[in-house]
């Protein structure tokens, strides 16, 4: 929620966004709206699991490993390239298994 709240604060005028009450009200409204969405959508948890298993693994594991290989290029040792490749491959496998698990639970429940 913090990145979203900070982005919204940047759009507000300086006098409003720097006040303590804006900080409290904005974050409270974001949490309240998330709770409302979670109550209104019966499969909210399953959708979050799907998004998390697909996108979070890619952003947190696969892309950094591949970027390291790309940035280091010929400077990286063979061991570093192999380990980064293994991390990326395990991340892809984990993303596939997590996505499959989430989709199968969504299909089973709905």
PDB file of N, CA and C in Angstrom:
ATOM      1  N   UNK A   1       0.808  -1.193   0.000  1.00  0.00           N
ATOM      2  CA  UNK A   1       0.000   0.000   0.000  1.00  0.00           C
ATOM      3  C   UNK A   1       0.859   1.268   0.000  1.00  0.00           C
ATOM      4  N   UNK A   2       2.036   1.174   0.568  1.00  0.00           N
ATOM      5  CA  UNK A   2       2.868   2.368   0.691  1.00  0.00           C
ATOM      6  C   UNK A   2       3.234   2.988  -0.657  1.00  0.00           C
ATOM      7  N   UNK A   3       3.647   2.210  -1.661  1.00  0.00           N
ATOM      8  CA  UNK A   3       3.948   2.847  -2.953  1.00  0.00           C
ATOM      9  C   UNK A   3       2.734   3.542  -3.569  1.00  0.00           C
ATOM     10  N   UNK A   4       1.569   2.934  -3.444  1.00  0.00           N
ATOM     11  CA  UNK A   4       0.357   3.554  -3.966  1.00  0.00           C
ATOM     12  C   UNK A   4       0.039   4.844  -3.216  1.00  0.00           C
ATOM     13  N   UNK A   5       0.147   4.809  -1.901  1.00  0.00           N
ATOM     14  CA  UNK A   5      -0.125   6.001  -1.093  1.00  0.00           C
ATOM     15  C   UNK A   5       0.860   7.120  -1.420  1.00  0.00           C
ATOM     16  N   UNK A   6       2.119   6.784  -1.584  1.00  0.00           N
ATOM     17  CA  UNK A   6       3.114   7.810  -1.916  1.00  0.00           C
ATOM     18  C   UNK A   6       2.867   8.408  -3.302  1.00  0.00           C
ATOM     19  N   UNK A   7       2.429   7.582  -4.234  1.00  0.00           N
ATOM     20  CA  UNK A   7       2.117   8.095  -5.570  1.00  0.00           C
ATOM     21  C   UNK A   7       0.945   9.056  -5.527  1.00  0.00           C
ATOM     22  N   UNK A   8      -0.066   8.714  -4.754  1.00  0.00           N
ATOM     23  CA  UNK A   8      -1.217   9.605  -4.616  1.00  0.00           C
ATOM     24  C   UNK A   8      -0.801  10.898  -3.926  1.00  0.00           C
ATOM     25  N   UNK A   9       0.041  10.796  -2.905  1.00  0.00           N
ATOM     26  CA  UNK A   9       0.514  11.994  -2.203  1.00  0.00           C
ATOM     27  C   UNK A   9       1.279  12.939  -3.127  1.00  0.00           C
ATOM     28  N   UNK A  10       2.013  12.380  -4.079  1.00  0.00           N
ATOM     29  CA  UNK A  10       2.758  13.211  -5.018  1.00  0.00           C
ATOM     30  C   UNK A  10       1.831  14.000  -5.927  1.00  0.00           C
ATOM     31  N   UNK A  11       0.639  13.468  -6.177  1.00  0.00           N
ATOM     32  CA  UNK A  11      -0.316  14.162  -7.032  1.00  0.00           C
ATOM     33  C   UNK A  11      -1.039  15.291  -6.304  1.00  0.00           C
ATOM     34  N   UNK A  12      -1.059  15.232  -4.982  1.00  0.00           N
ATOM     35  CA  UNK A  12      -1.745  16.253  -4.194  1.00  0.00           C
ATOM     36  C   UNK A  12      -0.882  17.503  -4.058  1.00  0.00           C
ATOM     37  N   UNK A  13      -1.533  18.648  -3.824  1.00  0.00           N
ATOM     38  CA  UNK A  13      -0.737  19.870  -3.582  1.00  0.00           C
ATOM     39  C   UNK A  13       0.141  19.720  -2.343  1.00  0.00           C
ATOM     40  N   UNK A  14       1.268  20.421  -2.321  1.00  0.00           N
ATOM     41  CA  UNK A  14       2.270  20.292  -1.242  1.00  0.00           C
ATOM     42  C   UNK A  14       1.669  20.563   0.131  1.00  0.00           C
ATOM     43  N   UNK A  15       0.838  21.569   0.254  1.00  0.00           N
ATOM     44  CA  UNK A  15       0.268  21.910   1.561  1.00  0.00           C
ATOM     45  C   UNK A  15      -0.591  20.803   2.133  1.00  0.00           C
ATOM     46  N   UNK A  16      -1.274  20.088   1.260  1.00  0.00           N
ATOM     47  CA  UNK A  16      -2.153  19.012   1.724  1.00  0.00           C
ATOM     48  C   UNK A  16      -1.354  17.732   1.966  1.00  0.00           C
ATOM     49  N   UNK A  17      -0.496  17.381   1.030  1.00  0.00           N
ATOM     50  CA  UNK A  17       0.209  16.104   1.118  1.00  0.00           C
ATOM     51  C   UNK A  17       1.208  16.043   2.263  1.00  0.00           C
ATOM     52  N   UNK A  18       1.660  17.184   2.760  1.00  0.00           N
ATOM     53  CA  UNK A  18       2.646  17.159   3.833  1.00  0.00           C
ATOM     54  C   UNK A  18       2.011  17.118   5.219  1.00  0.00           C
ATOM     55  N   UNK A  19       0.688  17.204   5.299  1.00  0.00           N
ATOM     56  CA  UNK A  19       0.043  17.192   6.612  1.00  0.00           C
ATOM     57  C   UNK A  19      -0.093  15.766   7.143  1.00  0.00           C
ATOM     58  N   UNK A  20      -0.078  15.671   8.438  1.00  0.00           N
ATOM     59  CA  UNK A  20      -0.192  14.375   9.115  1.00  0.00           C
ATOM     60  C   UNK A  20      -1.567  13.767   8.869  1.00  0.00           C
ATOM     61  N   UNK A  21      -2.602  14.605   8.845  1.00  0.00           N
ATOM     62  CA  UNK A  21      -3.970  14.105   8.643  1.00  0.00           C
ATOM     63  C   UNK A  21      -4.153  13.524   7.256  1.00  0.00           C
ATOM     64  N   UNK A  22      -3.501  14.083   6.276  1.00  0.00           N
ATOM     65  CA  UNK A  22      -3.560  13.525   4.930  1.00  0.00           C
ATOM     66  C   UNK A  22      -2.938  12.133   4.912  1.00  0.00           C
ATOM     67  N   UNK A  23      -1.811  12.012   5.584  1.00  0.00           N
ATOM     68  CA  UNK A  23      -1.118  10.725   5.696  1.00  0.00           C
ATOM     69  C   UNK A  23      -2.045   9.666   6.297  1.00  0.00           C
ATOM     70  N   UNK A  24      -2.688   9.997   7.409  1.00  0.00           N
ATOM     71  CA  UNK A  24      -3.568   9.053   8.106  1.00  0.00           C
ATOM     72  C   UNK A  24      -4.814   8.740   7.275  1.00  0.00           C
ATOM     73  N   UNK A  25      -5.476   9.767   6.774  1.00  0.00           N
ATOM     74  CA  UNK A  25      -6.727   9.566   6.032  1.00  0.00           C
ATOM     75  C   UNK A  25      -6.517   8.803   4.724  1.00  0.00           C
ATOM     76  N   UNK A  26      -5.455   9.117   4.032  1.00  0.00           N
ATOM     77  CA  UNK A  26      -5.190   8.441   2.767  1.00  0.00           C
ATOM     78  C   UNK A  26      -4.941   6.952   2.972  1.00  0.00           C
ATOM     79  N   UNK A  27      -4.106   6.613   3.921  1.00  0.00           N
ATOM     80  CA  UNK A  27      -3.810   5.210   4.169  1.00  0.00           C
ATOM     81  C   UNK A  27      -5.017   4.463   4.732  1.00  0.00           C
ATOM     82  N   UNK A  28      -5.787   5.130   5.565  1.00  0.00           N
ATOM     83  CA  UNK A  28      -7.009   4.511   6.088  1.00  0.00           C
ATOM     84  C   UNK A  28      -7.991   4.248   4.958  1.00  0.00           C
ATOM     85  N   UNK A  29      -8.137   5.185   4.055  1.00  0.00           N
ATOM     86  CA  UNK A  29      -9.046   5.003   2.916  1.00  0.00           C
ATOM     87  C   UNK A  29      -8.574   3.871   2.018  1.00  0.00           C
ATOM     88  N   UNK A  30      -7.274   3.753   1.806  1.00  0.00           N
ATOM     89  CA  UNK A  30      -6.758   2.668   0.973  1.00  0.00           C
ATOM     90  C   UNK A  30      -7.001   1.306   1.608  1.00  0.00           C
ATOM     91  N   UNK A  31      -6.767   1.202   2.888  1.00  0.00           N
ATOM     92  CA  UNK A  31      -7.001  -0.069   3.578  1.00  0.00           C
ATOM     93  C   UNK A  31      -8.494  -0.400   3.582  1.00  0.00           C
ATOM     94  N   UNK A  32      -9.318   0.595   3.858  1.00  0.00           N
ATOM     95  CA  UNK A  32     -10.775   0.386   3.874  1.00  0.00           C
ATOM     96  C   UNK A  32     -11.268  -0.063   2.498  1.00  0.00           C
ATOM     97  N   UNK A  33     -10.779   0.562   1.443  1.00  0.00           N
ATOM     98  CA  UNK A  33     -11.208   0.166   0.101  1.00  0.00           C
ATOM     99  C   UNK A  33     -10.736  -1.250  -0.239  1.00  0.00           C
ATOM    100  N   UNK A  34      -9.562  -1.628   0.214  1.00  0.00           N
ATOM    101  CA  UNK A  34      -9.078  -2.996  -0.014  1.00  0.00           C
ATOM    102  C   UNK A  34      -9.935  -4.018   0.721  1.00  0.00           C
ATOM    103  N   UNK A  35     -10.334  -3.684   1.932  1.00  0.00           N
ATOM    104  CA  UNK A  35     -11.203  -4.581   2.700  1.00  0.00           C
ATOM    105  C   UNK A  35     -12.555  -4.716   2.017  1.00  0.00           C
ATOM    106  N   UNK A  36     -13.086  -3.617   1.512  1.00  0.00           N
ATOM    107  CA  UNK A  36     -14.373  -3.670   0.800  1.00  0.00           C
ATOM    108  C   UNK A  36     -14.280  -4.557  -0.438  1.00  0.00           C
ATOM    109  N   UNK A  37     -13.213  -4.414  -1.207  1.00  0.00           N
ATOM    110  CA  UNK A  37     -13.029  -5.247  -2.394  1.00  0.00           C
ATOM    111  C   UNK A  37     -12.894  -6.717  -1.997  1.00  0.00           C
ATOM    112  N   UNK A  38     -12.173  -6.981  -0.921  1.00  0.00           N
ATOM    113  CA  UNK A  38     -11.993  -8.364  -0.461  1.00  0.00           C
ATOM    114  C   UNK A  38     -13.317  -8.982  -0.038  1.00  0.00           C
ATOM    115  N   UNK A  39     -14.197  -8.196   0.572  1.00  0.00           N
ATOM    116  CA  UNK A  39     -15.500  -8.717   0.974  1.00  0.00           C
ATOM    117  C   UNK A  39     -16.446  -8.879  -0.215  1.00  0.00           C
ATOM    118  N   UNK A  40     -16.338  -8.008  -1.201  1.00  0.00           N
ATOM    119  CA  UNK A  40     -17.247  -8.057  -2.341  1.00  0.00           C
ATOM    120  C   UNK A  40     -16.890  -9.152  -3.339  1.00  0.00           C
ATOM    121  N   UNK A  41     -15.623  -9.438  -3.482  1.00  0.00           N
ATOM    122  CA  UNK A  41     -15.187 -10.482  -4.404  1.00  0.00           C
ATOM    123  C   UNK A  41     -14.934 -11.771  -3.628  1.00  0.00           C
ATOM    124  N   UNK A  42     -15.717 -12.800  -3.873  1.00  0.00           N
ATOM    125  CA  UNK A  42     -15.558 -14.037  -3.094  1.00  0.00           C
ATOM    126  C   UNK A  42     -14.241 -14.766  -3.359  1.00  0.00           C
ATOM    127  N   UNK A  43     -13.636 -14.515  -4.500  1.00  0.00           N
ATOM    128  CA  UNK A  43     -12.388 -15.200  -4.840  1.00  0.00           C
ATOM    129  C   UNK A  43     -11.190 -14.256  -4.811  1.00  0.00           C
ATOM    130  N   UNK A  44     -11.256 -13.221  -3.997  1.00  0.00           N
ATOM    131  CA  UNK A  44     -10.186 -12.222  -3.919  1.00  0.00           C
ATOM    132  C   UNK A  44      -8.858 -12.862  -3.509  1.00  0.00           C
ATOM    133  N   UNK A  45      -8.892 -13.720  -2.519  1.00  0.00           N
ATOM    134  CA  UNK A  45      -7.669 -14.380  -2.057  1.00  0.00           C
ATOM    135  C   UNK A  45      -7.027 -15.241  -3.131  1.00  0.00           C
ATOM    136  N   UNK A  46      -7.874 -15.945  -3.878  1.00  0.00           N
ATOM    137  CA  UNK A  46      -7.351 -16.785  -4.952  1.00  0.00           C
ATOM    138  C   UNK A  46      -6.756 -15.944  -6.085  1.00  0.00           C
ATOM    139  N   UNK A  47      -7.393 -14.815  -6.376  1.00  0.00           N
ATOM    140  CA  UNK A  47      -6.845 -13.930  -7.403  1.00  0.00           C
ATOM    141  C   UNK A  47      -5.510 -13.327  -6.958  1.00  0.00           C
ATOM    142  N   UNK A  48      -5.419 -12.974  -5.694  1.00  0.00           N
ATOM    143  CA  UNK A  48      -4.154 -12.442  -5.183  1.00  0.00           C
ATOM    144  C   UNK A  48      -3.071 -13.517  -5.216  1.00  0.00           C
ATOM    145  N   UNK A  49      -3.439 -14.754  -4.938  1.00  0.00           N
ATOM    146  CA  UNK A  49      -2.476 -15.854  -5.025  1.00  0.00           C
ATOM    147  C   UNK A  49      -1.992 -16.032  -6.460  1.00  0.00           C
ATOM    148  N   UNK A  50      -2.905 -15.914  -7.411  1.00  0.00           N
ATOM    149  CA  UNK A  50      -2.537 -16.033  -8.820  1.00  0.00           C
ATOM    150  C   UNK A  50      -1.586 -14.919  -9.234  1.00  0.00           C
ATOM    151  N   UNK A  51      -1.932 -13.700  -8.894  1.00  0.00           N
ATOM    152  CA  UNK A  51      -1.081 -12.560  -9.241  1.00  0.00           C
ATOM    153  C   UNK A  51       0.276 -12.678  -8.556  1.00  0.00           C
ATOM    154  N   UNK A  52       0.259 -13.066  -7.303  1.00  0.00           N
ATOM    155  CA  UNK A  52       1.508 -13.196  -6.563  1.00  0.00           C
ATOM    156  C   UNK A  52       2.409 -14.286  -7.111  1.00  0.00           C
ATOM    157  N   UNK A  53       1.815 -15.434  -7.417  1.00  0.00           N
ATOM    158  CA  UNK A  53       2.642 -16.540  -7.900  1.00  0.00           C
ATOM    159  C   UNK A  53       3.197 -16.272  -9.287  1.00  0.00           C
ATOM    160  N   UNK A  54       2.453 -15.535 -10.078  1.00  0.00           N
ATOM    161  CA  UNK A  54       2.936 -15.272 -11.426  1.00  0.00           C
ATOM    162  C   UNK A  54       3.892 -14.075 -11.461  1.00  0.00           C
ATOM    163  N   UNK A  55       3.451 -12.957 -10.955  1.00  0.00           N
ATOM    164  CA  UNK A  55       4.227 -11.727 -11.114  1.00  0.00           C
ATOM    165  C   UNK A  55       5.307 -11.532 -10.062  1.00  0.00           C
ATOM    166  N   UNK A  56       5.018 -11.873  -8.817  1.00  0.00           N
ATOM    167  CA  UNK A  56       5.996 -11.621  -7.757  1.00  0.00           C
ATOM    168  C   UNK A  56       7.267 -12.437  -7.946  1.00  0.00           C
ATOM    169  N   UNK A  57       7.118 -13.683  -8.320  1.00  0.00           N
ATOM    170  CA  UNK A  57       8.301 -14.522  -8.558  1.00  0.00           C
ATOM    171  C   UNK A  57       9.119 -13.960  -9.715  1.00  0.00           C
ATOM    172  N   UNK A  58       8.436 -13.526 -10.760  1.00  0.00           N
ATOM    173  CA  UNK A  58       9.167 -12.988 -11.899  1.00  0.00           C
ATOM    174  C   UNK A  58       9.921 -11.712 -11.533  1.00  0.00           C
ATOM    175  N   UNK A  59       9.266 -10.831 -10.792  1.00  0.00           N
ATOM    176  CA  UNK A  59       9.891  -9.550 -10.443  1.00  0.00           C
ATOM    177  C   UNK A  59      10.974  -9.712  -9.381  1.00  0.00           C
ATOM    178  N   UNK A  60      10.759 -10.615  -8.422  1.00  0.00           N
ATOM    179  CA  UNK A  60      11.685 -10.728  -7.295  1.00  0.00           C
ATOM    180  C   UNK A  60      12.822 -11.715  -7.532  1.00  0.00           C
ATOM    181  N   UNK A  61      12.630 -12.688  -8.420  1.00  0.00           N
ATOM    182  CA  UNK A  61      13.644 -13.733  -8.572  1.00  0.00           C
ATOM    183  C   UNK A  61      14.207 -13.798  -9.989  1.00  0.00           C
ATOM    184  N   UNK A  62      13.331 -13.959 -10.973  1.00  0.00           N
ATOM    185  CA  UNK A  62      13.791 -14.231 -12.337  1.00  0.00           C
ATOM    186  C   UNK A  62      14.451 -13.015 -12.977  1.00  0.00           C
ATOM    187  N   UNK A  63      13.779 -11.886 -12.967  1.00  0.00           N
ATOM    188  CA  UNK A  63      14.317 -10.697 -13.641  1.00  0.00           C
ATOM    189  C   UNK A  63      15.642 -10.230 -13.034  1.00  0.00           C
ATOM    190  N   UNK A  64      15.788 -10.179 -11.690  1.00  0.00           N
ATOM    191  CA  UNK A  64      17.106  -9.783 -11.171  1.00  0.00           C
ATOM    192  C   UNK A  64      18.242 -10.725 -11.586  1.00  0.00           C
ATOM    193  N   UNK A  65      17.967 -12.022 -11.616  1.00  0.00           N
ATOM    194  CA  UNK A  65      19.011 -12.965 -12.023  1.00  0.00           C
ATOM    195  C   UNK A  65      19.386 -12.765 -13.487  1.00  0.00           C
ATOM    196  N   UNK A  66      18.398 -12.579 -14.337  1.00  0.00           N
ATOM    197  CA  UNK A  66      18.686 -12.370 -15.760  1.00  0.00           C
ATOM    198  C   UNK A  66      19.355 -11.014 -16.002  1.00  0.00           C
ATOM    199  N   UNK A  67      18.938 -10.000 -15.262  1.00  0.00           N
ATOM    200  CA  UNK A  67      19.579  -8.679 -15.393  1.00  0.00           C
ATOM    201  C   UNK A  67      21.033  -8.733 -14.949  1.00  0.00           C
ATOM    202  N   UNK A  68      21.313  -9.501 -13.904  1.00  0.00           N
ATOM    203  CA  UNK A  68      22.692  -9.636 -13.443  1.00  0.00           C
ATOM    204  C   UNK A  68      23.557 -10.239 -14.546  1.00  0.00           C
ATOM    205  N   UNK A  69      23.038 -11.269 -15.182  1.00  0.00           N
ATOM    206  CA  UNK A  69      23.795 -11.903 -16.267  1.00  0.00           C
ATOM    207  C   UNK A  69      24.013 -10.901 -17.405  1.00  0.00           C
ATOM    208  N   UNK A  70      22.970 -10.170 -17.749  1.00  0.00           N
ATOM    209  CA  UNK A  70      23.061  -9.211 -18.857  1.00  0.00           C
ATOM    210  C   UNK A  70      24.020  -8.063 -18.532  1.00  0.00           C
ATOM    211  N   UNK A  71      23.936  -7.538 -17.311  1.00  0.00           N
ATOM    212  CA  UNK A  71      24.781  -6.402 -16.932  1.00  0.00           C
ATOM    213  C   UNK A  71      26.250  -6.809 -16.820  1.00  0.00           C
ATOM    214  N   UNK A  72      26.504  -7.940 -16.189  1.00  0.00           N
ATOM    215  CA  UNK A  72      27.888  -8.372 -15.979  1.00  0.00           C
ATOM    216  C   UNK A  72      28.542  -8.848 -17.268  1.00  0.00           C
ATOM    217  N   UNK A  73      27.768  -9.472 -18.126  1.00  0.00           N
ATOM    218  CA  UNK A  73      28.299  -9.919 -19.415  1.00  0.00           C
ATOM    219  C   UNK A  73      29.515 -10.817 -19.264  1.00  0.00           C
ATOM    220  N   UNK A  74      30.609 -10.427 -19.890  1.00  0.00           N
ATOM    221  CA  UNK A  74      31.831 -11.230 -19.869  1.00  0.00           C
ATOM    222  C   UNK A  74      32.608 -11.098 -18.564  1.00  0.00           C
ATOM    223  N   UNK A  75      32.253 -10.126 -17.719  1.00  0.00           N
ATOM    224  CA  UNK A  75      32.948  -9.932 -16.446  1.00  0.00           C
ATOM    225  C   UNK A  75      32.554 -10.982 -15.408  1.00  0.00           C
ATOM    226  N   UNK A  76      31.388 -11.584 -15.569  1.00  0.00           N
ATOM    227  CA  UNK A  76      30.922 -12.578 -14.605  1.00  0.00           C
ATOM    228  C   UNK A  76      31.687 -13.888 -14.791  1.00  0.00           C
ATOM    229  N   UNK A  77      31.967 -14.530 -13.669  1.00  0.00           N
ATOM    230  CA  UNK A  77      32.640 -15.827 -13.759  1.00  0.00           C
ATOM    231  C   UNK A  77      31.635 -16.888 -14.212  1.00  0.00           C
ATOM    232  N   UNK A  78      32.166 -18.008 -14.599  1.00  0.00           N
ATOM    233  CA  UNK A  78      31.311 -19.111 -15.057  1.00  0.00           C
ATOM    234  C   UNK A  78      30.367 -19.559 -13.930  1.00  0.00           C
ATOM    235  N   UNK A  79      30.871 -19.571 -12.708  1.00  0.00           N
ATOM    236  CA  UNK A  79      30.063 -19.970 -11.552  1.00  0.00           C
ATOM    237  C   UNK A  79      28.906 -18.995 -11.344  1.00  0.00           C
ATOM    238  N   UNK A  80      29.192 -17.706 -11.468  1.00  0.00           N
ATOM    239  CA  UNK A  80      28.133 -16.710 -11.295  1.00  0.00           C
ATOM    240  C   UNK A  80      27.057 -16.842 -12.364  1.00  0.00           C
ATOM    241  N   UNK A  81      27.454 -17.084 -13.576  1.00  0.00           N
ATOM    242  CA  UNK A  81      26.486 -17.253 -14.661  1.00  0.00           C
ATOM    243  C   UNK A  81      25.647 -18.498 -14.448  1.00  0.00           C
ATOM    244  N   UNK A  82      26.288 -19.589 -14.056  1.00  0.00           N
ATOM    245  CA  UNK A  82      25.559 -20.833 -13.819  1.00  0.00           C
ATOM    246  C   UNK A  82      24.579 -20.665 -12.656  1.00  0.00           C
ATOM    247  N   UNK A  83      25.032 -20.076 -11.552  1.00  0.00           N
ATOM    248  CA  UNK A  83      24.147 -19.895 -10.402  1.00  0.00           C
ATOM    249  C   UNK A  83      22.983 -18.958 -10.716  1.00  0.00           C
ATOM    250  N   UNK A  84      23.256 -17.896 -11.444  1.00  0.00           N
ATOM    251  CA  UNK A  84      22.185 -16.982 -11.831  1.00  0.00           C
ATOM    252  C   UNK A  84      21.191 -17.663 -12.766  1.00  0.00           C
ATOM    253  N   UNK A  85      21.687 -18.479 -13.652  1.00  0.00           N
ATOM    254  CA  UNK A  85      20.810 -19.223 -14.554  1.00  0.00           C
ATOM    255  C   UNK A  85      19.957 -20.226 -13.793  1.00  0.00           C
ATOM    256  N   UNK A  86      20.564 -20.890 -12.803  1.00  0.00           N
ATOM    257  CA  UNK A  86      19.815 -21.845 -11.978  1.00  0.00           C
ATOM    258  C   UNK A  86      18.733 -21.126 -11.179  1.00  0.00           C
ATOM    259  N   UNK A  87      19.060 -19.986 -10.603  1.00  0.00           N
ATOM    260  CA  UNK A  87      18.079 -19.203  -9.850  1.00  0.00           C
ATOM    261  C   UNK A  87      16.927 -18.784 -10.762  1.00  0.00           C
ATOM    262  N   UNK A  88      17.252 -18.316 -11.964  1.00  0.00           N
ATOM    263  CA  UNK A  88      16.209 -17.911 -12.904  1.00  0.00           C
ATOM    264  C   UNK A  88      15.341 -19.102 -13.315  1.00  0.00           C
ATOM    265  N   UNK A  89      15.967 -20.241 -13.578  1.00  0.00           N
ATOM    266  CA  UNK A  89      15.210 -21.434 -13.976  1.00  0.00           C
ATOM    267  C   UNK A  89      14.307 -21.915 -12.848  1.00  0.00           C
ATOM    268  N   UNK A  90      14.827 -21.931 -11.614  1.00  0.00           N
ATOM    269  CA  UNK A  90      13.996 -22.323 -10.469  1.00  0.00           C
ATOM    270  C   UNK A  90      12.848 -21.342 -10.258  1.00  0.00           C
ATOM    271  N   UNK A  91      13.109 -20.070 -10.498  1.00  0.00           N
ATOM    272  CA  UNK A  91      12.052 -19.074 -10.391  1.00  0.00           C
ATOM    273  C   UNK A  91      10.959 -19.296 -11.412  1.00  0.00           C
ATOM    274  N   UNK A  92      11.340 -19.620 -12.638  1.00  0.00           N
ATOM    275  CA  UNK A  92      10.345 -19.893 -13.686  1.00  0.00           C
ATOM    276  C   UNK A  92       9.528 -21.132 -13.339  1.00  0.00           C
ATOM    277  N   UNK A  93      10.195 -22.175 -12.865  1.00  0.00           N
ATOM    278  CA  UNK A  93       9.478 -23.395 -12.470  1.00  0.00           C
ATOM    279  C   UNK A  93       8.520 -23.107 -11.318  1.00  0.00           C
ATOM    280  N   UNK A  94       8.977 -22.342 -10.336  1.00  0.00           N
ATOM    281  CA  UNK A  94       8.128 -21.979  -9.199  1.00  0.00           C
ATOM    282  C   UNK A  94       6.941 -21.144  -9.654  1.00  0.00           C
ATOM    283  N   UNK A  95       7.154 -20.219 -10.564  1.00  0.00           N
ATOM    284  CA  UNK A  95       6.062 -19.391 -11.080  1.00  0.00           C
ATOM    285  C   UNK A  95       5.041 -20.243 -11.827  1.00  0.00           C
ATOM    286  N   UNK A  96       5.513 -21.196 -12.606  1.00  0.00           N
ATOM    287  CA  UNK A  96       4.603 -22.082 -13.343  1.00  0.00           C
ATOM    288  C   UNK A  96       3.794 -22.941 -12.384  1.00  0.00           C
ATOM    289  N   UNK A  97       4.458 -23.542 -11.392  1.00  0.00           N
ATOM    290  CA  UNK A  97       3.739 -24.387 -10.430  1.00  0.00           C
ATOM    291  C   UNK A  97       2.754 -23.584  -9.587  1.00  0.00           C
ATOM    292  N   UNK A  98       3.168 -22.400  -9.151  1.00  0.00           N
ATOM    293  CA  UNK A  98       2.270 -21.558  -8.360  1.00  0.00           C
ATOM    294  C   UNK A  98       1.078 -21.078  -9.159  1.00  0.00           C
ATOM    295  N   UNK A  99       1.321 -20.699 -10.408  1.00  0.00           N
ATOM    296  CA  UNK A  99       0.229 -20.260 -11.275  1.00  0.00           C
ATOM    297  C   UNK A  99      -0.728 -21.410 -11.553  1.00  0.00           C
ATOM    298  N   UNK A 100      -0.202 -22.585 -11.827  1.00  0.00           N
ATOM    299  CA  UNK A 100      -1.050 -23.755 -12.054  1.00  0.00           C
ATOM    300  C   UNK A 100      -1.887 -24.070 -10.824  1.00  0.00           C
ATOM    301  N   UNK A 101      -1.257 -24.017  -9.662  1.00  0.00           N
ATOM    302  CA  UNK A 101      -1.980 -24.295  -8.421  1.00  0.00           C
ATOM    303  C   UNK A 101      -3.093 -23.282  -8.191  1.00  0.00           C
ATOM    304  N   UNK A 102      -2.814 -22.012  -8.409  1.00  0.00           N
ATOM    305  CA  UNK A 102      -3.817 -20.964  -8.213  1.00  0.00           C
ATOM    306  C   UNK A 102      -4.968 -21.103  -9.202  1.00  0.00           C
ATOM    307  N   UNK A 103      -4.639 -21.348 -10.463  1.00  0.00           N
ATOM    308  CA  UNK A 103      -5.689 -21.495 -11.473  1.00  0.00           C
ATOM    309  C   UNK A 103      -6.541 -22.725 -11.190  1.00  0.00           C
ATOM    310  N   UNK A 104      -5.917 -23.816 -10.788  1.00  0.00           N
ATOM    311  CA  UNK A 104      -6.695 -25.025 -10.502  1.00  0.00           C
ATOM    312  C   UNK A 104      -7.620 -24.813  -9.300  1.00  0.00           C
ATOM    313  N   UNK A 105      -7.184 -24.059  -8.287  1.00  0.00           N
ATOM    314  CA  UNK A 105      -8.063 -23.776  -7.155  1.00  0.00           C
ATOM    315  C   UNK A 105      -9.216 -22.858  -7.549  1.00  0.00           C
ATOM    316  N   UNK A 106      -8.940 -21.903  -8.421  1.00  0.00           N
ATOM    317  CA  UNK A 106     -10.012 -21.017  -8.899  1.00  0.00           C
ATOM    318  C   UNK A 106     -11.038 -21.821  -9.682  1.00  0.00           C
ATOM    319  N   UNK A 107     -10.570 -22.702 -10.574  1.00  0.00           N
ATOM    320  CA  UNK A 107     -11.484 -23.515 -11.369  1.00  0.00           C
ATOM    321  C   UNK A 107     -12.280 -24.472 -10.488  1.00  0.00           C
ATOM    322  N   UNK A 108     -11.624 -25.037  -9.488  1.00  0.00           N
ATOM    323  CA  UNK A 108     -12.297 -25.986  -8.592  1.00  0.00           C
ATOM    324  C   UNK A 108     -13.370 -25.294  -7.761  1.00  0.00           C
ATOM    325  N   UNK A 109     -13.102 -24.084  -7.297  1.00  0.00           N
ATOM    326  CA  UNK A 109     -14.057 -23.370  -6.440  1.00  0.00           C
ATOM    327  C   UNK A 109     -15.152 -22.675  -7.233  1.00  0.00           C
ATOM    328  N   UNK A 110     -14.890 -22.309  -8.490  1.00  0.00           N
ATOM    329  CA  UNK A 110     -15.881 -21.551  -9.255  1.00  0.00           C
ATOM    330  C   UNK A 110     -16.040 -22.152 -10.592  1.00  0.00           C
TER     331      UNK A 110
END
